[in-house]
Amino acid sequence: MTNEFWIAANIIFDLGTGEKKDILMLVNHEIDATFFNRGDAELYYTFVTMRAKNIVWKIEPTNLRGQGWFVIRGVQNVG
């Protein structure tokens, strides 16, 4: 059995201080993922593979918003 994840990148702002934070989340459907250009996808891929080593990550093309976009998909083996 496997779990499949996609990376979604978000920005949050602290209302008290105005501090900005970039947040990566795991989502369960490709349509909820962030669509990256190839260069950004490679940067985020490198970041996440160093931190979530129990998940096999891949950069994959997506056509959900036209050509030239990529998503980052992860597969985790369970059990």
N, C-alpha and C. Protein backbone atom coordinates (compact mmCIF):
# COMPACT_ATOMS: atom_id res chain seq x y z
N MET A 1 0.85 -1.18 0.00
CA MET A 1 0.00 0.00 0.00
C MET A 1 0.89 1.24 0.00
N THR A 2 0.43 2.30 -0.66
CA THR A 2 1.19 3.54 -0.73
C THR A 2 0.30 4.74 -0.45
N ASN A 3 0.92 5.80 0.01
CA ASN A 3 0.29 7.11 0.12
C ASN A 3 0.88 7.98 -0.98
N GLU A 4 0.04 8.77 -1.64
CA GLU A 4 0.51 9.71 -2.65
C GLU A 4 0.27 11.13 -2.16
N PHE A 5 1.28 11.98 -2.36
CA PHE A 5 1.20 13.38 -1.95
C PHE A 5 1.68 14.27 -3.08
N TRP A 6 1.23 15.50 -3.07
CA TRP A 6 1.75 16.53 -3.94
C TRP A 6 2.12 17.72 -3.07
N ILE A 7 3.05 18.52 -3.53
CA ILE A 7 3.49 19.70 -2.78
C ILE A 7 2.64 20.91 -3.16
N ALA A 8 2.17 21.61 -2.15
CA ALA A 8 1.49 22.89 -2.33
C ALA A 8 2.27 23.94 -1.55
N ALA A 9 2.66 24.99 -2.22
CA ALA A 9 3.41 26.07 -1.59
C ALA A 9 2.46 27.24 -1.31
N ASN A 10 2.51 27.75 -0.09
CA ASN A 10 1.67 28.87 0.32
C ASN A 10 2.51 29.90 1.06
N ILE A 11 1.96 31.07 1.18
CA ILE A 11 2.58 32.14 1.96
C ILE A 11 1.58 32.52 3.04
N ILE A 12 2.06 32.66 4.28
CA ILE A 12 1.20 33.15 5.35
C ILE A 12 1.83 34.41 5.94
N PHE A 13 0.98 35.26 6.47
CA PHE A 13 1.42 36.50 7.11
C PHE A 13 0.91 36.50 8.54
N ASP A 14 1.79 36.83 9.47
CA ASP A 14 1.39 36.99 10.87
C ASP A 14 0.69 38.35 10.99
N LEU A 15 -0.56 38.35 11.43
CA LEU A 15 -1.32 39.60 11.50
C LEU A 15 -0.78 40.56 12.55
N GLY A 16 -0.12 40.01 13.56
CA GLY A 16 0.42 40.88 14.61
C GLY A 16 1.71 41.56 14.20
N THR A 17 2.59 40.85 13.54
CA THR A 17 3.91 41.39 13.21
C THR A 17 4.09 41.71 11.73
N GLY A 18 3.23 41.13 10.90
CA GLY A 18 3.40 41.30 9.45
C GLY A 18 4.45 40.37 8.86
N GLU A 19 5.03 39.52 9.71
CA GLU A 19 6.06 38.60 9.24
C GLU A 19 5.50 37.65 8.19
N LYS A 20 6.25 37.45 7.11
CA LYS A 20 5.86 36.55 6.03
C LYS A 20 6.59 35.22 6.20
N LYS A 21 5.87 34.12 5.99
CA LYS A 21 6.49 32.80 6.01
C LYS A 21 6.03 32.02 4.79
N ASP A 22 6.99 31.35 4.15
CA ASP A 22 6.67 30.44 3.05
C ASP A 22 6.43 29.07 3.65
N ILE A 23 5.32 28.44 3.29
CA ILE A 23 4.91 27.17 3.87
C ILE A 23 4.74 26.14 2.75
N LEU A 24 5.27 24.94 2.96
CA LEU A 24 5.01 23.82 2.06
C LEU A 24 4.07 22.86 2.76
N MET A 25 3.05 22.41 2.05
CA MET A 25 2.10 21.46 2.59
C MET A 25 2.04 20.25 1.67
N LEU A 26 1.62 19.14 2.23
CA LEU A 26 1.34 17.96 1.43
C LEU A 26 -0.16 17.91 1.19
N VAL A 27 -0.56 17.78 -0.07
CA VAL A 27 -1.97 17.68 -0.42
C VAL A 27 -2.23 16.33 -1.07
N ASN A 28 -3.49 15.94 -1.12
CA ASN A 28 -3.83 14.59 -1.57
C ASN A 28 -4.22 14.48 -3.03
N HIS A 29 -4.33 15.61 -3.73
CA HIS A 29 -4.75 15.57 -5.13
C HIS A 29 -3.90 16.53 -5.95
N GLU A 30 -3.58 16.12 -7.16
CA GLU A 30 -2.74 16.94 -8.04
C GLU A 30 -3.36 18.32 -8.29
N ILE A 31 -4.66 18.40 -8.41
CA ILE A 31 -5.33 19.67 -8.68
C ILE A 31 -5.09 20.68 -7.55
N ASP A 32 -4.80 20.20 -6.34
CA ASP A 32 -4.54 21.07 -5.19
C ASP A 32 -3.07 21.46 -5.06
N ALA A 33 -2.23 20.86 -5.89
CA ALA A 33 -0.79 21.14 -5.83
C ALA A 33 -0.47 22.50 -6.43
N THR A 34 0.70 23.00 -6.11
CA THR A 34 1.21 24.20 -6.76
C THR A 34 1.85 23.79 -8.07
N PHE A 35 1.57 24.54 -9.13
CA PHE A 35 2.16 24.29 -10.44
C PHE A 35 3.38 25.18 -10.58
N PHE A 36 4.53 24.56 -10.79
CA PHE A 36 5.81 25.26 -10.84
C PHE A 36 6.36 25.29 -12.26
N ASN A 37 7.18 26.31 -12.55
CA ASN A 37 8.00 26.19 -13.75
C ASN A 37 9.13 25.22 -13.42
N ARG A 38 9.88 24.79 -14.41
CA ARG A 38 10.88 23.73 -14.18
C ARG A 38 11.93 24.15 -13.16
N GLY A 39 12.43 25.36 -13.24
CA GLY A 39 13.47 25.82 -12.33
C GLY A 39 13.00 25.85 -10.88
N ASP A 40 11.82 26.38 -10.63
CA ASP A 40 11.29 26.42 -9.27
C ASP A 40 10.99 25.01 -8.76
N ALA A 41 10.49 24.16 -9.64
CA ALA A 41 10.22 22.77 -9.24
C ALA A 41 11.50 22.09 -8.76
N GLU A 42 12.59 22.32 -9.44
CA GLU A 42 13.86 21.71 -9.04
C GLU A 42 14.34 22.24 -7.69
N LEU A 43 14.14 23.52 -7.43
CA LEU A 43 14.54 24.09 -6.13
C LEU A 43 13.72 23.50 -4.99
N TYR A 44 12.41 23.44 -5.16
CA TYR A 44 11.55 22.86 -4.13
C TYR A 44 11.79 21.36 -3.97
N TYR A 45 12.02 20.68 -5.08
CA TYR A 45 12.33 19.25 -5.04
C TYR A 45 13.57 18.99 -4.17
N THR A 46 14.62 19.76 -4.41
CA THR A 46 15.85 19.62 -3.63
C THR A 46 15.57 19.87 -2.15
N PHE A 47 14.82 20.89 -1.86
CA PHE A 47 14.49 21.23 -0.47
C PHE A 47 13.75 20.09 0.21
N VAL A 48 12.70 19.57 -0.42
CA VAL A 48 11.86 18.58 0.23
C VAL A 48 12.53 17.21 0.32
N THR A 49 13.33 16.84 -0.66
CA THR A 49 13.98 15.52 -0.62
C THR A 49 14.99 15.43 0.51
N MET A 50 15.55 16.55 0.90
CA MET A 50 16.51 16.55 2.01
C MET A 50 15.80 16.44 3.36
N ARG A 51 14.51 16.73 3.41
CA ARG A 51 13.80 16.78 4.68
C ARG A 51 12.79 15.65 4.88
N ALA A 52 12.27 15.11 3.82
CA ALA A 52 11.28 14.02 3.92
C ALA A 52 11.85 12.81 3.19
N LYS A 53 12.77 12.13 3.86
CA LYS A 53 13.53 11.06 3.22
C LYS A 53 12.75 9.75 3.10
N ASN A 54 11.65 9.61 3.81
CA ASN A 54 10.88 8.37 3.72
C ASN A 54 9.84 8.42 2.60
N ILE A 55 9.88 9.45 1.78
CA ILE A 55 8.97 9.61 0.65
C ILE A 55 9.82 9.70 -0.62
N VAL A 56 9.42 8.99 -1.66
CA VAL A 56 10.10 9.05 -2.96
C VAL A 56 9.46 10.19 -3.75
N TRP A 57 10.25 11.22 -4.04
CA TRP A 57 9.76 12.42 -4.72
C TRP A 57 10.12 12.41 -6.18
N LYS A 58 9.23 12.98 -7.01
CA LYS A 58 9.49 13.12 -8.45
C LYS A 58 8.90 14.44 -8.93
N ILE A 59 9.58 15.04 -9.88
CA ILE A 59 9.03 16.20 -10.60
C ILE A 59 8.33 15.64 -11.82
N GLU A 60 7.06 16.01 -11.99
CA GLU A 60 6.28 15.48 -13.10
C GLU A 60 5.59 16.61 -13.86
N PRO A 61 5.54 16.51 -15.18
CA PRO A 61 4.78 17.51 -15.93
C PRO A 61 3.29 17.37 -15.65
N THR A 62 2.59 18.48 -15.69
CA THR A 62 1.13 18.47 -15.54
C THR A 62 0.53 19.31 -16.65
N ASN A 63 -0.61 18.91 -17.13
CA ASN A 63 -1.32 19.69 -18.15
C ASN A 63 -2.61 20.27 -17.61
N LEU A 64 -2.74 20.31 -16.29
CA LEU A 64 -3.97 20.83 -15.69
C LEU A 64 -4.15 22.32 -15.93
N ARG A 65 -3.08 23.05 -16.21
CA ARG A 65 -3.16 24.49 -16.51
C ARG A 65 -2.43 24.83 -17.80
N GLY A 66 -2.38 23.90 -18.71
CA GLY A 66 -1.65 24.13 -19.95
C GLY A 66 -0.27 23.50 -19.88
N GLN A 67 0.47 23.62 -20.95
CA GLN A 67 1.79 23.00 -21.02
C GLN A 67 2.85 23.85 -20.36
N GLY A 68 3.93 23.19 -19.96
CA GLY A 68 5.08 23.90 -19.39
C GLY A 68 5.06 24.00 -17.88
N TRP A 69 4.12 23.32 -17.21
CA TRP A 69 4.03 23.37 -15.76
C TRP A 69 4.36 22.01 -15.16
N PHE A 70 4.88 22.03 -13.94
CA PHE A 70 5.31 20.82 -13.25
C PHE A 70 4.75 20.78 -11.84
N VAL A 71 4.55 19.57 -11.34
CA VAL A 71 4.16 19.35 -9.95
C VAL A 71 5.21 18.44 -9.32
N ILE A 72 5.23 18.44 -8.01
CA ILE A 72 6.13 17.55 -7.27
C ILE A 72 5.26 16.54 -6.56
N ARG A 73 5.45 15.26 -6.92
CA ARG A 73 4.65 14.17 -6.36
C ARG A 73 5.53 13.28 -5.51
N GLY A 74 4.98 12.87 -4.39
CA GLY A 74 5.69 11.96 -3.49
C GLY A 74 4.88 10.69 -3.27
N VAL A 75 5.59 9.58 -3.15
CA VAL A 75 4.97 8.29 -2.86
C VAL A 75 5.64 7.72 -1.61
N GLN A 76 4.82 7.32 -0.66
CA GLN A 76 5.32 6.77 0.59
C GLN A 76 4.77 5.35 0.73
N ASN A 77 5.65 4.39 0.93
CA ASN A 77 5.23 3.01 1.17
C ASN A 77 4.82 2.86 2.63
N VAL A 78 3.66 2.24 2.84
CA VAL A 78 3.18 1.99 4.20
C VAL A 78 2.88 0.51 4.35
N GLY A 79 3.22 0.00 5.51
CA GLY A 79 2.91 -1.38 5.84
C GLY A 79 3.70 -2.38 5.16
